[in-house]
Amino acid sequence: MDTDLQNLVDHLEKHHLTVATCDPERRLQVTNPISTLLSEEIVLKRGRYYTGFDYEIGERGKEEACADRIAYLLGATTEAAS
């Protein structure tokens, strides 16, 4: 897996979100384990992260900020757990 994408996964997991890699490898399925209805597909394309509905989350290289935005969208804590 791409190192930036793995970095995003690591930050998402700090928010206690469940992350699964999909095929192709630049696609993630992120779910709030409290409710599986709170789920979003995240795609890396053209150096930016987007939701499955083409909502731009942020740019590659800023994975921590992107994880914060995704956590907010999925109703998870906006601060990473220690």
N, C-alpha and C. Protein backbone atom coordinates (compact mmCIF):
# COMPACT_ATOMS: atom_id res chain seq x y z
N MET A 1 0.85 -1.18 0.00
CA MET A 1 0.00 0.00 0.00
C MET A 1 0.89 1.24 0.00
N ASP A 2 0.44 2.25 -0.67
CA ASP A 2 1.10 3.55 -0.73
C ASP A 2 1.35 4.08 0.69
N THR A 3 2.51 4.67 0.94
CA THR A 3 2.84 5.13 2.30
C THR A 3 1.93 6.27 2.78
N ASP A 4 1.55 7.20 1.88
CA ASP A 4 0.62 8.26 2.29
C ASP A 4 -0.74 7.69 2.63
N LEU A 5 -1.19 6.73 1.85
CA LEU A 5 -2.48 6.10 2.13
C LEU A 5 -2.43 5.33 3.45
N GLN A 6 -1.32 4.66 3.71
CA GLN A 6 -1.16 3.96 4.99
C GLN A 6 -1.14 4.96 6.15
N ASN A 7 -0.53 6.11 5.93
CA ASN A 7 -0.51 7.16 6.93
C ASN A 7 -1.95 7.62 7.23
N LEU A 8 -2.78 7.76 6.18
CA LEU A 8 -4.18 8.13 6.37
C LEU A 8 -4.91 7.06 7.18
N VAL A 9 -4.67 5.80 6.85
CA VAL A 9 -5.29 4.69 7.60
C VAL A 9 -4.91 4.78 9.07
N ASP A 10 -3.64 5.01 9.36
CA ASP A 10 -3.18 5.11 10.75
C ASP A 10 -3.89 6.23 11.49
N HIS A 11 -4.06 7.39 10.85
CA HIS A 11 -4.75 8.51 11.49
C HIS A 11 -6.24 8.22 11.67
N LEU A 12 -6.85 7.56 10.71
CA LEU A 12 -8.27 7.19 10.85
C LEU A 12 -8.48 6.22 12.00
N GLU A 13 -7.57 5.28 12.15
CA GLU A 13 -7.68 4.31 13.24
C GLU A 13 -7.52 4.97 14.60
N LYS A 14 -6.79 6.08 14.68
CA LYS A 14 -6.68 6.83 15.93
C LYS A 14 -8.02 7.44 16.33
N HIS A 15 -8.90 7.62 15.35
CA HIS A 15 -10.25 8.11 15.61
C HIS A 15 -11.21 6.95 15.89
N HIS A 16 -10.67 5.75 16.03
CA HIS A 16 -11.44 4.53 16.28
C HIS A 16 -12.37 4.18 15.13
N LEU A 17 -12.00 4.55 13.92
CA LEU A 17 -12.76 4.18 12.74
C LEU A 17 -12.21 2.88 12.18
N THR A 18 -13.07 2.09 11.58
CA THR A 18 -12.68 0.84 10.94
C THR A 18 -12.35 1.13 9.49
N VAL A 19 -11.21 0.65 9.03
CA VAL A 19 -10.76 0.94 7.67
C VAL A 19 -10.45 -0.37 6.94
N ALA A 20 -11.01 -0.49 5.74
CA ALA A 20 -10.72 -1.65 4.89
C ALA A 20 -10.21 -1.14 3.55
N THR A 21 -9.17 -1.77 3.04
CA THR A 21 -8.69 -1.41 1.71
C THR A 21 -9.51 -2.15 0.68
N CYS A 22 -9.80 -1.48 -0.40
CA CYS A 22 -10.59 -2.06 -1.48
C CYS A 22 -9.72 -2.16 -2.72
N ASP A 23 -10.21 -2.87 -3.69
CA ASP A 23 -9.52 -2.98 -4.96
C ASP A 23 -10.12 -1.95 -5.90
N PRO A 24 -9.41 -1.08 -6.53
CA PRO A 24 -7.96 -1.00 -6.51
C PRO A 24 -7.44 -0.47 -5.18
N GLU A 25 -6.16 -0.57 -4.99
CA GLU A 25 -5.51 -0.29 -3.73
C GLU A 25 -5.63 1.17 -3.26
N ARG A 26 -5.95 2.10 -4.10
CA ARG A 26 -6.06 3.52 -3.70
C ARG A 26 -7.48 3.88 -3.26
N ARG A 27 -8.20 2.91 -2.73
CA ARG A 27 -9.58 3.11 -2.31
C ARG A 27 -9.74 2.50 -0.92
N LEU A 28 -10.36 3.26 -0.02
CA LEU A 28 -10.60 2.79 1.35
C LEU A 28 -12.09 2.81 1.65
N GLN A 29 -12.53 1.89 2.48
CA GLN A 29 -13.89 1.92 3.01
C GLN A 29 -13.73 2.21 4.50
N VAL A 30 -14.24 3.37 4.93
CA VAL A 30 -14.08 3.82 6.31
C VAL A 30 -15.45 3.79 6.99
N THR A 31 -15.52 3.17 8.17
CA THR A 31 -16.79 2.97 8.85
C THR A 31 -16.66 3.33 10.32
N ASN A 32 -17.70 3.97 10.84
CA ASN A 32 -17.78 4.22 12.27
C ASN A 32 -18.35 2.94 12.90
N PRO A 33 -17.60 2.25 13.75
CA PRO A 33 -18.06 0.98 14.30
C PRO A 33 -19.30 1.10 15.19
N ILE A 34 -19.62 2.30 15.64
CA ILE A 34 -20.82 2.49 16.46
C ILE A 34 -22.07 2.26 15.62
N SER A 35 -22.01 2.63 14.34
CA SER A 35 -23.12 2.41 13.42
C SER A 35 -22.55 2.18 12.03
N THR A 36 -22.75 1.00 11.50
CA THR A 36 -22.21 0.68 10.18
C THR A 36 -22.89 1.47 9.07
N LEU A 37 -23.99 2.16 9.39
CA LEU A 37 -24.61 3.04 8.41
C LEU A 37 -23.75 4.27 8.16
N LEU A 38 -22.88 4.59 9.11
CA LEU A 38 -21.96 5.72 8.96
C LEU A 38 -20.68 5.20 8.32
N SER A 39 -20.68 5.22 7.00
CA SER A 39 -19.58 4.66 6.23
C SER A 39 -19.32 5.51 5.00
N GLU A 40 -18.07 5.57 4.58
CA GLU A 40 -17.72 6.39 3.43
C GLU A 40 -16.58 5.73 2.67
N GLU A 41 -16.67 5.78 1.36
CA GLU A 41 -15.58 5.33 0.52
C GLU A 41 -14.66 6.52 0.27
N ILE A 42 -13.36 6.32 0.43
CA ILE A 42 -12.37 7.37 0.21
C ILE A 42 -11.45 6.91 -0.93
N VAL A 43 -11.28 7.81 -1.90
CA VAL A 43 -10.50 7.50 -3.09
C VAL A 43 -9.37 8.51 -3.23
N LEU A 44 -8.18 8.03 -3.57
CA LEU A 44 -7.05 8.90 -3.86
C LEU A 44 -6.92 9.01 -5.37
N LYS A 45 -7.11 10.23 -5.89
CA LYS A 45 -6.95 10.45 -7.33
C LYS A 45 -6.40 11.85 -7.57
N ARG A 46 -5.49 11.92 -8.52
CA ARG A 46 -4.85 13.18 -8.89
C ARG A 46 -4.26 13.91 -7.67
N GLY A 47 -3.70 13.14 -6.73
CA GLY A 47 -3.02 13.73 -5.58
C GLY A 47 -3.95 14.31 -4.51
N ARG A 48 -5.24 13.96 -4.57
CA ARG A 48 -6.22 14.46 -3.59
C ARG A 48 -7.12 13.31 -3.14
N TYR A 49 -7.67 13.47 -1.94
CA TYR A 49 -8.60 12.47 -1.40
C TYR A 49 -10.03 12.96 -1.63
N TYR A 50 -10.90 12.04 -2.07
CA TYR A 50 -12.30 12.34 -2.34
C TYR A 50 -13.18 11.26 -1.72
N THR A 51 -14.42 11.62 -1.40
CA THR A 51 -15.40 10.61 -1.00
C THR A 51 -15.91 9.93 -2.26
N GLY A 52 -16.68 8.88 -2.07
CA GLY A 52 -17.29 8.18 -3.18
C GLY A 52 -18.26 9.05 -3.97
N PHE A 53 -18.73 10.13 -3.34
CA PHE A 53 -19.63 11.07 -4.01
C PHE A 53 -18.87 12.26 -4.60
N ASP A 54 -17.55 12.12 -4.69
CA ASP A 54 -16.66 13.12 -5.29
C ASP A 54 -16.56 14.42 -4.48
N TYR A 55 -16.78 14.32 -3.16
CA TYR A 55 -16.57 15.46 -2.26
C TYR A 55 -15.09 15.47 -1.88
N GLU A 56 -14.42 16.58 -2.14
CA GLU A 56 -12.98 16.65 -1.86
C GLU A 56 -12.71 16.76 -0.36
N ILE A 57 -11.85 15.87 0.13
CA ILE A 57 -11.48 15.85 1.55
C ILE A 57 -10.20 16.63 1.80
N GLY A 58 -9.23 16.52 0.92
CA GLY A 58 -7.97 17.23 1.11
C GLY A 58 -6.89 16.67 0.21
N GLU A 59 -5.71 17.23 0.37
CA GLU A 59 -4.62 16.85 -0.52
C GLU A 59 -3.69 15.81 0.10
N ARG A 60 -3.06 15.08 -0.78
CA ARG A 60 -2.06 14.10 -0.39
C ARG A 60 -0.94 14.83 0.35
N GLY A 61 -0.43 14.22 1.41
CA GLY A 61 0.61 14.84 2.22
C GLY A 61 0.04 15.50 3.47
N LYS A 62 -1.27 15.64 3.54
CA LYS A 62 -1.95 16.24 4.70
C LYS A 62 -2.95 15.24 5.26
N GLU A 63 -2.47 14.02 5.48
CA GLU A 63 -3.35 12.92 5.88
C GLU A 63 -3.99 13.11 7.24
N GLU A 64 -3.29 13.74 8.18
CA GLU A 64 -3.88 13.94 9.51
C GLU A 64 -5.12 14.85 9.42
N ALA A 65 -5.02 15.94 8.68
CA ALA A 65 -6.16 16.85 8.50
C ALA A 65 -7.29 16.15 7.74
N CYS A 66 -6.94 15.34 6.76
CA CYS A 66 -7.95 14.59 6.01
C CYS A 66 -8.68 13.61 6.93
N ALA A 67 -7.93 12.93 7.79
CA ALA A 67 -8.54 11.99 8.73
C ALA A 67 -9.49 12.72 9.67
N ASP A 68 -9.12 13.91 10.11
CA ASP A 68 -10.01 14.70 10.97
C ASP A 68 -11.31 15.02 10.26
N ARG A 69 -11.23 15.38 8.98
CA ARG A 69 -12.44 15.70 8.20
C ARG A 69 -13.33 14.47 8.02
N ILE A 70 -12.70 13.35 7.71
CA ILE A 70 -13.45 12.11 7.52
C ILE A 70 -14.12 11.70 8.83
N ALA A 71 -13.39 11.81 9.93
CA ALA A 71 -13.96 11.48 11.25
C ALA A 71 -15.17 12.35 11.54
N TYR A 72 -15.08 13.62 11.22
CA TYR A 72 -16.20 14.53 11.41
C TYR A 72 -17.41 14.10 10.58
N LEU A 73 -17.16 13.76 9.30
CA LEU A 73 -18.25 13.33 8.42
C LEU A 73 -18.95 12.07 8.95
N LEU A 74 -18.18 11.21 9.61
CA LEU A 74 -18.72 9.94 10.09
C LEU A 74 -19.15 9.97 11.55
N GLY A 75 -19.17 11.17 12.13
CA GLY A 75 -19.66 11.30 13.50
C GLY A 75 -18.72 10.76 14.55
N ALA A 76 -17.44 10.62 14.22
CA ALA A 76 -16.45 10.16 15.19
C ALA A 76 -15.85 11.39 15.87
N THR A 77 -15.09 11.15 16.88
CA THR A 77 -14.44 12.25 17.57
C THR A 77 -13.54 13.01 16.62
N THR A 78 -13.49 14.34 16.76
CA THR A 78 -12.65 15.14 15.89
C THR A 78 -11.23 15.22 16.40
N GLU A 79 -10.98 14.72 17.59
CA GLU A 79 -9.62 14.68 18.13
C GLU A 79 -9.17 13.24 18.20
N ALA A 80 -8.00 12.99 17.67
CA ALA A 80 -7.46 11.64 17.71
C ALA A 80 -7.24 11.22 19.15
N ALA A 81 -7.53 9.96 19.42
CA ALA A 81 -7.33 9.43 20.76
C ALA A 81 -5.85 9.27 21.04
N SER A 82 -5.47 9.43 22.29
CA SER A 82 -4.05 9.29 22.67
C SER A 82 -3.66 7.85 22.82
